[in-house]
PDB file of N, CA and C in Angstrom:
ATOM      1  N   MET A   1       0.274   4.987   6.879  1.00  0.00           N
ATOM      2  CA  MET A   1       0.458   6.048   5.884  1.00  0.00           C
ATOM      3  C   MET A   1      -0.295   5.670   4.565  1.00  0.00           C
ATOM      4  N   THR A   2      -0.996   6.663   4.120  1.00  0.00           N
ATOM      5  CA  THR A   2      -1.721   6.402   2.851  1.00  0.00           C
ATOM      6  C   THR A   2      -1.063   7.124   1.645  1.00  0.00           C
ATOM      7  N   THR A   3      -1.084   6.484   0.511  1.00  0.00           N
ATOM      8  CA  THR A   3      -0.462   7.014  -0.605  1.00  0.00           C
ATOM      9  C   THR A   3      -1.589   7.213  -1.621  1.00  0.00           C
ATOM     10  N   GLU A   4      -1.652   8.499  -2.205  1.00  0.00           N
ATOM     11  CA  GLU A   4      -2.725   8.736  -3.145  1.00  0.00           C
ATOM     12  C   GLU A   4      -2.230   8.199  -4.439  1.00  0.00           C
ATOM     13  N   THR A   5      -3.260   7.745  -5.221  1.00  0.00           N
ATOM     14  CA  THR A   5      -2.924   7.403  -6.573  1.00  0.00           C
ATOM     15  C   THR A   5      -2.782   8.513  -7.436  1.00  0.00           C
ATOM     16  N   PRO A   6      -2.017   8.424  -8.573  1.00  0.00           N
ATOM     17  CA  PRO A   6      -1.907   9.576  -9.496  1.00  0.00           C
ATOM     18  C   PRO A   6      -3.229  10.250  -9.902  1.00  0.00           C
ATOM     19  N   GLU A   7      -4.181   9.353 -10.084  1.00  0.00           N
ATOM     20  CA  GLU A   7      -5.561   9.920 -10.531  1.00  0.00           C
ATOM     21  C   GLU A   7      -6.247  10.621  -9.338  1.00  0.00           C
ATOM     22  N   ALA A   8      -5.941  10.256  -8.047  1.00  0.00           N
ATOM     23  CA  ALA A   8      -6.662  10.970  -6.980  1.00  0.00           C
ATOM     24  C   ALA A   8      -5.787  12.231  -6.752  1.00  0.00           C
ATOM     25  N   ILE A   9      -4.572  12.261  -7.038  1.00  0.00           N
ATOM     26  CA  ILE A   9      -3.856  13.565  -6.927  1.00  0.00           C
ATOM     27  C   ILE A   9      -4.354  14.564  -7.996  1.00  0.00           C
ATOM     28  N   LYS A  10      -4.583  14.016  -9.162  1.00  0.00           N
ATOM     29  CA  LYS A  10      -5.096  14.824 -10.354  1.00  0.00           C
ATOM     30  C   LYS A  10      -6.451  15.342 -10.005  1.00  0.00           C
ATOM     31  N   ALA A  11      -7.249  14.481  -9.452  1.00  0.00           N
ATOM     32  CA  ALA A  11      -8.632  14.960  -9.220  1.00  0.00           C
ATOM     33  C   ALA A  11      -8.667  16.107  -8.019  1.00  0.00           C
ATOM     34  N   ARG A  12      -7.799  15.920  -6.921  1.00  0.00           N
ATOM     35  CA  ARG A  12      -7.720  16.885  -6.027  1.00  0.00           C
ATOM     36  C   ARG A  12      -7.098  18.257  -6.568  1.00  0.00           C
ATOM     37  N   LYS A  13      -5.980  18.080  -7.306  1.00  0.00           N
ATOM     38  CA  LYS A  13      -5.347  19.279  -7.853  1.00  0.00           C
ATOM     39  C   LYS A  13      -6.280  20.043  -8.829  1.00  0.00           C
ATOM     40  N   MET A  14      -7.067  19.349  -9.629  1.00  0.00           N
ATOM     41  CA  MET A  14      -7.899  19.925 -10.522  1.00  0.00           C
ATOM     42  C   MET A  14      -9.002  20.785  -9.864  1.00  0.00           C
ATOM     43  N   LEU A  15      -9.510  20.217  -8.679  1.00  0.00           N
ATOM     44  CA  LEU A  15     -10.478  21.035  -7.948  1.00  0.00           C
ATOM     45  C   LEU A  15      -9.898  22.321  -7.445  1.00  0.00           C
ATOM     46  N   GLN A  16      -8.628  22.142  -6.973  1.00  0.00           N
ATOM     47  CA  GLN A  16      -7.895  23.341  -6.471  1.00  0.00           C
ATOM     48  C   GLN A  16      -7.599  24.296  -7.699  1.00  0.00           C
ATOM     49  N   ILE A  17      -7.242  23.886  -8.798  1.00  0.00           N
ATOM     50  CA  ILE A  17      -7.054  24.712  -9.908  1.00  0.00           C
ATOM     51  C   ILE A  17      -8.261  25.441 -10.301  1.00  0.00           C
ATOM     52  N   ASP A  18      -9.436  24.705 -10.417  1.00  0.00           N
ATOM     53  CA  ASP A  18     -10.739  25.329 -10.678  1.00  0.00           C
ATOM     54  C   ASP A  18     -11.002  26.526  -9.645  1.00  0.00           C
ATOM     55  N   ALA A  19     -10.856  26.091  -8.426  1.00  0.00           N
ATOM     56  CA  ALA A  19     -11.158  27.139  -7.360  1.00  0.00           C
ATOM     57  C   ALA A  19     -10.306  28.391  -7.475  1.00  0.00           C
ATOM     58  N   LEU A  20      -8.975  28.169  -7.816  1.00  0.00           N
ATOM     59  CA  LEU A  20      -8.143  29.239  -8.005  1.00  0.00           C
ATOM     60  C   LEU A  20      -8.292  30.079  -9.245  1.00  0.00           C
ATOM     61  N   LEU A  21      -8.812  29.371 -10.351  1.00  0.00           N
ATOM     62  CA  LEU A  21      -9.186  30.186 -11.470  1.00  0.00           C
ATOM     63  C   LEU A  21     -10.320  31.080 -11.193  1.00  0.00           C
ATOM     64  N   GLU A  22     -11.309  30.536 -10.449  1.00  0.00           N
ATOM     65  CA  GLU A  22     -12.399  31.430  -9.999  1.00  0.00           C
ATOM     66  C   GLU A  22     -11.914  32.505  -9.215  1.00  0.00           C
ATOM     67  N   ALA A  23     -11.009  32.253  -8.162  1.00  0.00           N
ATOM     68  CA  ALA A  23     -10.520  33.292  -7.281  1.00  0.00           C
ATOM     69  C   ALA A  23      -9.737  34.452  -8.083  1.00  0.00           C
ATOM     70  N   ILE A  24      -8.853  33.997  -8.979  1.00  0.00           N
ATOM     71  CA  ILE A  24      -8.088  34.964  -9.744  1.00  0.00           C
ATOM     72  C   ILE A  24      -8.950  35.866 -10.530  1.00  0.00           C
ATOM     73  N   SER A  25     -10.127  35.384 -11.021  1.00  0.00           N
ATOM     74  CA  SER A  25     -10.986  36.120 -11.932  1.00  0.00           C
ATOM     75  C   SER A  25     -11.643  37.287 -11.147  1.00  0.00           C
ATOM     76  N   VAL A  26     -11.821  37.117  -9.924  1.00  0.00           N
ATOM     77  CA  VAL A  26     -12.386  38.237  -9.051  1.00  0.00           C
ATOM     78  C   VAL A  26     -11.404  38.969  -8.202  1.00  0.00           C
ATOM     79  N   GLU A  27     -10.155  38.526  -8.065  1.00  0.00           N
ATOM     80  CA  GLU A  27      -9.185  39.105  -7.321  1.00  0.00           C
ATOM     81  C   GLU A  27      -8.834  40.488  -7.738  1.00  0.00           C
ATOM     82  N   GLU A  28      -8.550  41.380  -6.890  1.00  0.00           N
ATOM     83  CA  GLU A  28      -8.286  42.800  -7.286  1.00  0.00           C
ATOM     84  C   GLU A  28      -6.801  43.152  -6.937  1.00  0.00           C
ATOM     85  N   ARG A  29      -6.208  42.513  -6.042  1.00  0.00           N
ATOM     86  CA  ARG A  29      -4.816  42.816  -5.578  1.00  0.00           C
ATOM     87  C   ARG A  29      -3.863  42.111  -6.589  1.00  0.00           C
ATOM     88  N   PRO A  30      -2.936  42.962  -7.133  1.00  0.00           N
ATOM     89  CA  PRO A  30      -2.005  42.375  -8.058  1.00  0.00           C
ATOM     90  C   PRO A  30      -1.026  41.324  -7.455  1.00  0.00           C
ATOM     91  N   LEU A  31      -0.664  41.362  -6.219  1.00  0.00           N
ATOM     92  CA  LEU A  31       0.172  40.473  -5.649  1.00  0.00           C
ATOM     93  C   LEU A  31      -0.484  39.009  -5.446  1.00  0.00           C
ATOM     94  N   SER A  32      -1.830  39.072  -5.081  1.00  0.00           N
ATOM     95  CA  SER A  32      -2.556  37.898  -5.007  1.00  0.00           C
ATOM     96  C   SER A  32      -2.845  37.283  -6.306  1.00  0.00           C
ATOM     97  N   LYS A  33      -3.085  38.125  -7.411  1.00  0.00           N
ATOM     98  CA  LYS A  33      -3.251  37.592  -8.741  1.00  0.00           C
ATOM     99  C   LYS A  33      -1.948  36.868  -9.111  1.00  0.00           C
ATOM    100  N   ALA A  34      -0.745  37.454  -8.882  1.00  0.00           N
ATOM    101  CA  ALA A  34       0.497  36.861  -9.265  1.00  0.00           C
ATOM    102  C   ALA A  34       0.692  35.481  -8.539  1.00  0.00           C
ATOM    103  N   PHE A  35       0.264  35.505  -7.212  1.00  0.00           N
ATOM    104  CA  PHE A  35       0.448  34.280  -6.501  1.00  0.00           C
ATOM    105  C   PHE A  35      -0.538  33.128  -7.065  1.00  0.00           C
ATOM    106  N   TYR A  36      -1.749  33.485  -7.331  1.00  0.00           N
ATOM    107  CA  TYR A  36      -2.587  32.526  -7.852  1.00  0.00           C
ATOM    108  C   TYR A  36      -2.195  31.988  -9.285  1.00  0.00           C
ATOM    109  N   HIS A  37      -1.733  32.970 -10.057  1.00  0.00           N
ATOM    110  CA  HIS A  37      -1.213  32.640 -11.400  1.00  0.00           C
ATOM    111  C   HIS A  37       0.009  31.724 -11.278  1.00  0.00           C
ATOM    112  N   GLY A  38       0.963  31.869 -10.458  1.00  0.00           N
ATOM    113  CA  GLY A  38       2.003  30.976 -10.341  1.00  0.00           C
ATOM    114  C   GLY A  38       1.656  29.653  -9.816  1.00  0.00           C
ATOM    115  N   TRP A  39       0.823  29.688  -8.751  1.00  0.00           N
ATOM    116  CA  TRP A  39       0.337  28.325  -8.150  1.00  0.00           C
ATOM    117  C   TRP A  39      -0.336  27.504  -9.160  1.00  0.00           C
ATOM    118  N   ILE A  40      -1.293  28.104  -9.981  1.00  0.00           N
ATOM    119  CA  ILE A  40      -1.977  27.387 -11.033  1.00  0.00           C
ATOM    120  C   ILE A  40      -0.997  26.750 -12.018  1.00  0.00           C
ATOM    121  N   LEU A  41      -0.084  27.536 -12.519  1.00  0.00           N
ATOM    122  CA  LEU A  41       0.862  26.919 -13.528  1.00  0.00           C
ATOM    123  C   LEU A  41       1.744  25.977 -12.845  1.00  0.00           C
ATOM    124  N   SER A  42       2.097  26.064 -11.620  1.00  0.00           N
ATOM    125  CA  SER A  42       2.959  25.158 -10.862  1.00  0.00           C
ATOM    126  C   SER A  42       2.230  23.806 -10.699  1.00  0.00           C
ATOM    127  N   ALA A  43       0.921  23.896 -10.333  1.00  0.00           N
ATOM    128  CA  ALA A  43       0.117  22.719 -10.171  1.00  0.00           C
ATOM    129  C   ALA A  43      -0.099  21.977 -11.438  1.00  0.00           C
ATOM    130  N   ALA A  44      -0.358  22.705 -12.551  1.00  0.00           N
ATOM    131  CA  ALA A  44      -0.475  22.104 -13.839  1.00  0.00           C
ATOM    132  C   ALA A  44       0.797  21.332 -14.224  1.00  0.00           C
ATOM    133  N   MET A  45       1.984  21.977 -13.958  1.00  0.00           N
ATOM    134  CA  MET A  45       3.197  21.409 -14.430  1.00  0.00           C
ATOM    135  C   MET A  45       3.516  20.100 -13.520  1.00  0.00           C
ATOM    136  N   GLU A  46       3.118  20.125 -12.250  1.00  0.00           N
ATOM    137  CA  GLU A  46       3.368  18.984 -11.370  1.00  0.00           C
ATOM    138  C   GLU A  46       2.469  17.859 -11.869  1.00  0.00           C
ATOM    139  N   LEU A  47       1.289  18.102 -12.354  1.00  0.00           N
ATOM    140  CA  LEU A  47       0.506  17.038 -12.908  1.00  0.00           C
ATOM    141  C   LEU A  47       0.982  16.539 -14.211  1.00  0.00           C
ATOM    142  N   TRP A  48       1.558  17.454 -15.034  1.00  0.00           N
ATOM    143  CA  TRP A  48       2.193  17.116 -16.230  1.00  0.00           C
ATOM    144  C   TRP A  48       3.436  16.176 -16.067  1.00  0.00           C
ATOM    145  N   ASP A  49       4.331  16.590 -15.063  1.00  0.00           N
ATOM    146  CA  ASP A  49       5.439  15.878 -14.725  1.00  0.00           C
ATOM    147  C   ASP A  49       5.124  14.443 -14.208  1.00  0.00           C
ATOM    148  N   ARG A  50       3.982  14.335 -13.519  1.00  0.00           N
ATOM    149  CA  ARG A  50       3.521  12.980 -12.993  1.00  0.00           C
ATOM    150  C   ARG A  50       2.981  12.097 -14.041  1.00  0.00           C
ATOM    151  N   GLY A  51       2.677  12.733 -15.259  1.00  0.00           N
ATOM    152  CA  GLY A  51       2.220  12.003 -16.364  1.00  0.00           C
ATOM    153  C   GLY A  51       0.627  11.714 -16.228  1.00  0.00           C
ATOM    154  N   VAL A  52      -0.010  12.568 -15.489  1.00  0.00           N
ATOM    155  CA  VAL A  52      -1.548  12.348 -15.264  1.00  0.00           C
ATOM    156  C   VAL A  52      -2.280  13.443 -15.983  1.00  0.00           C
ATOM    157  N   LEU A  53      -1.586  14.384 -16.514  1.00  0.00           N
ATOM    158  CA  LEU A  53      -2.240  15.470 -17.262  1.00  0.00           C
ATOM    159  C   LEU A  53      -1.854  15.358 -18.744  1.00  0.00           C
ATOM    160  N   THR A  54      -2.829  15.464 -19.648  1.00  0.00           N
ATOM    161  CA  THR A  54      -2.498  15.377 -20.980  1.00  0.00           C
ATOM    162  C   THR A  54      -2.000  16.762 -21.514  1.00  0.00           C
ATOM    163  N   ARG A  55      -1.274  16.845 -22.596  1.00  0.00           N
ATOM    164  CA  ARG A  55      -0.802  18.092 -23.147  1.00  0.00           C
ATOM    165  C   ARG A  55      -2.010  19.036 -23.333  1.00  0.00           C
ATOM    166  N   GLU A  56      -3.043  18.588 -23.877  1.00  0.00           N
ATOM    167  CA  GLU A  56      -4.299  19.375 -24.164  1.00  0.00           C
ATOM    168  C   GLU A  56      -4.789  19.982 -22.777  1.00  0.00           C
ATOM    169  N   GLU A  57      -4.832  19.198 -21.769  1.00  0.00           N
ATOM    170  CA  GLU A  57      -5.316  19.664 -20.454  1.00  0.00           C
ATOM    171  C   GLU A  57      -4.423  20.641 -19.940  1.00  0.00           C
ATOM    172  N   ARG A  58      -3.099  20.534 -20.011  1.00  0.00           N
ATOM    173  CA  ARG A  58      -2.085  21.461 -19.501  1.00  0.00           C
ATOM    174  C   ARG A  58      -2.284  22.792 -20.352  1.00  0.00           C
ATOM    175  N   LEU A  59      -2.377  22.745 -21.654  1.00  0.00           N
ATOM    176  CA  LEU A  59      -2.422  23.820 -22.432  1.00  0.00           C
ATOM    177  C   LEU A  59      -3.735  24.627 -22.164  1.00  0.00           C
ATOM    178  N   ASP A  60      -4.881  23.910 -21.937  1.00  0.00           N
ATOM    179  CA  ASP A  60      -6.193  24.444 -21.530  1.00  0.00           C
ATOM    180  C   ASP A  60      -6.001  25.343 -20.316  1.00  0.00           C
ATOM    181  N   ILE A  61      -5.407  24.732 -19.258  1.00  0.00           N
ATOM    182  CA  ILE A  61      -5.237  25.393 -18.021  1.00  0.00           C
ATOM    183  C   ILE A  61      -4.407  26.732 -18.211  1.00  0.00           C
ATOM    184  N   GLU A  62      -3.371  26.623 -18.960  1.00  0.00           N
ATOM    185  CA  GLU A  62      -2.392  27.678 -19.197  1.00  0.00           C
ATOM    186  C   GLU A  62      -3.225  28.784 -20.009  1.00  0.00           C
ATOM    187  N   ALA A  63      -3.995  28.414 -20.905  1.00  0.00           N
ATOM    188  CA  ALA A  63      -4.763  29.371 -21.746  1.00  0.00           C
ATOM    189  C   ALA A  63      -5.748  30.039 -20.896  1.00  0.00           C
ATOM    190  N   ARG A  64      -6.422  29.246 -20.062  1.00  0.00           N
ATOM    191  CA  ARG A  64      -7.537  29.876 -19.184  1.00  0.00           C
ATOM    192  C   ARG A  64      -6.950  30.961 -18.248  1.00  0.00           C
ATOM    193  N   VAL A  65      -5.788  30.667 -17.567  1.00  0.00           N
ATOM    194  CA  VAL A  65      -5.197  31.543 -16.676  1.00  0.00           C
ATOM    195  C   VAL A  65      -4.602  32.715 -17.360  1.00  0.00           C
ATOM    196  N   SER A  66      -4.057  32.522 -18.526  1.00  0.00           N
ATOM    197  CA  SER A  66      -3.561  33.664 -19.331  1.00  0.00           C
ATOM    198  C   SER A  66      -4.628  34.557 -19.764  1.00  0.00           C
ATOM    199  N   LEU A  67      -5.767  34.119 -20.192  1.00  0.00           N
ATOM    200  CA  LEU A  67      -6.916  34.832 -20.675  1.00  0.00           C
ATOM    201  C   LEU A  67      -7.431  35.695 -19.480  1.00  0.00           C
ATOM    202  N   ILE A  68      -7.528  35.104 -18.344  1.00  0.00           N
ATOM    203  CA  ILE A  68      -8.025  35.852 -17.171  1.00  0.00           C
ATOM    204  C   ILE A  68      -7.062  36.975 -16.865  1.00  0.00           C
ATOM    205  N   VAL A  69      -5.738  36.690 -16.849  1.00  0.00           N
ATOM    206  CA  VAL A  69      -4.797  37.638 -16.480  1.00  0.00           C
ATOM    207  C   VAL A  69      -4.665  38.772 -17.541  1.00  0.00           C
ATOM    208  N   LYS A  70      -4.649  38.420 -18.859  1.00  0.00           N
ATOM    209  CA  LYS A  70      -4.535  39.347 -19.869  1.00  0.00           C
ATOM    210  C   LYS A  70      -5.858  40.190 -20.005  1.00  0.00           C
ATOM    211  N   GLY A  71      -6.970  39.511 -19.746  1.00  0.00           N
ATOM    212  CA  GLY A  71      -8.317  40.239 -19.797  1.00  0.00           C
ATOM    213  C   GLY A  71      -8.359  41.384 -18.806  1.00  0.00           C
ATOM    214  N   GLU A  72      -7.833  40.978 -17.579  1.00  0.00           N
ATOM    215  CA  GLU A  72      -7.795  41.906 -16.486  1.00  0.00           C
ATOM    216  C   GLU A  72      -6.844  43.149 -16.847  1.00  0.00           C
ATOM    217  N   ALA A  73      -5.760  42.851 -17.436  1.00  0.00           N
ATOM    218  CA  ALA A  73      -4.834  43.862 -17.834  1.00  0.00           C
ATOM    219  C   ALA A  73      -5.349  44.800 -18.847  1.00  0.00           C
ATOM    220  N   GLN A  74      -6.192  44.209 -19.815  1.00  0.00           N
ATOM    221  CA  GLN A  74      -6.908  45.034 -20.797  1.00  0.00           C
ATOM    222  C   GLN A  74      -8.031  45.899 -20.288  1.00  0.00           C
ATOM    223  N   ASN A  75      -8.548  45.407 -19.152  1.00  0.00           N
ATOM    224  CA  ASN A  75      -9.696  46.190 -18.559  1.00  0.00           C
ATOM    225  C   ASN A  75      -9.263  47.149 -17.622  1.00  0.00           C
ATOM    226  N   THR A  76      -8.015  47.250 -17.256  1.00  0.00           N
ATOM    227  CA  THR A  76      -7.408  48.221 -16.338  1.00  0.00           C
ATOM    228  C   THR A  76      -7.378  49.494 -17.046  1.00  0.00           C
ATOM    229  N   PRO A  77      -7.878  50.580 -16.396  1.00  0.00           N
ATOM    230  CA  PRO A  77      -7.848  51.862 -17.075  1.00  0.00           C
ATOM    231  C   PRO A  77      -6.282  52.436 -17.052  1.00  0.00           C
ATOM    232  N   ALA A  78      -5.939  53.066 -18.164  1.00  0.00           N
ATOM    233  CA  ALA A  78      -4.584  53.632 -18.252  1.00  0.00           C
ATOM    234  C   ALA A  78      -4.407  54.823 -17.332  1.00  0.00           C
ATOM    235  N   GLU A  79      -3.223  54.915 -16.790  1.00  0.00           N
ATOM    236  CA  GLU A  79      -3.052  56.023 -15.810  1.00  0.00           C
ATOM    237  C   GLU A  79      -2.472  57.187 -16.545  1.00  0.00           C
TER     238      GLU A  79
END
């Protein structure tokens, strides 16, 4: 059984977060956007809880995902 170090977990999760931030920015389905949004915030909080993510890093991730989601909402034509 191999155990990942906190730094290895952070590196792996940050790659996943970056990929999901890219995916959410081009995703058109609202349910998928919601899933990505939740997963990104959950992953950031997991790293925060493990003590391997700084407050600034966590806030940066939250800000990036919020900007993407809010930007999409502003670009959606009114019905």
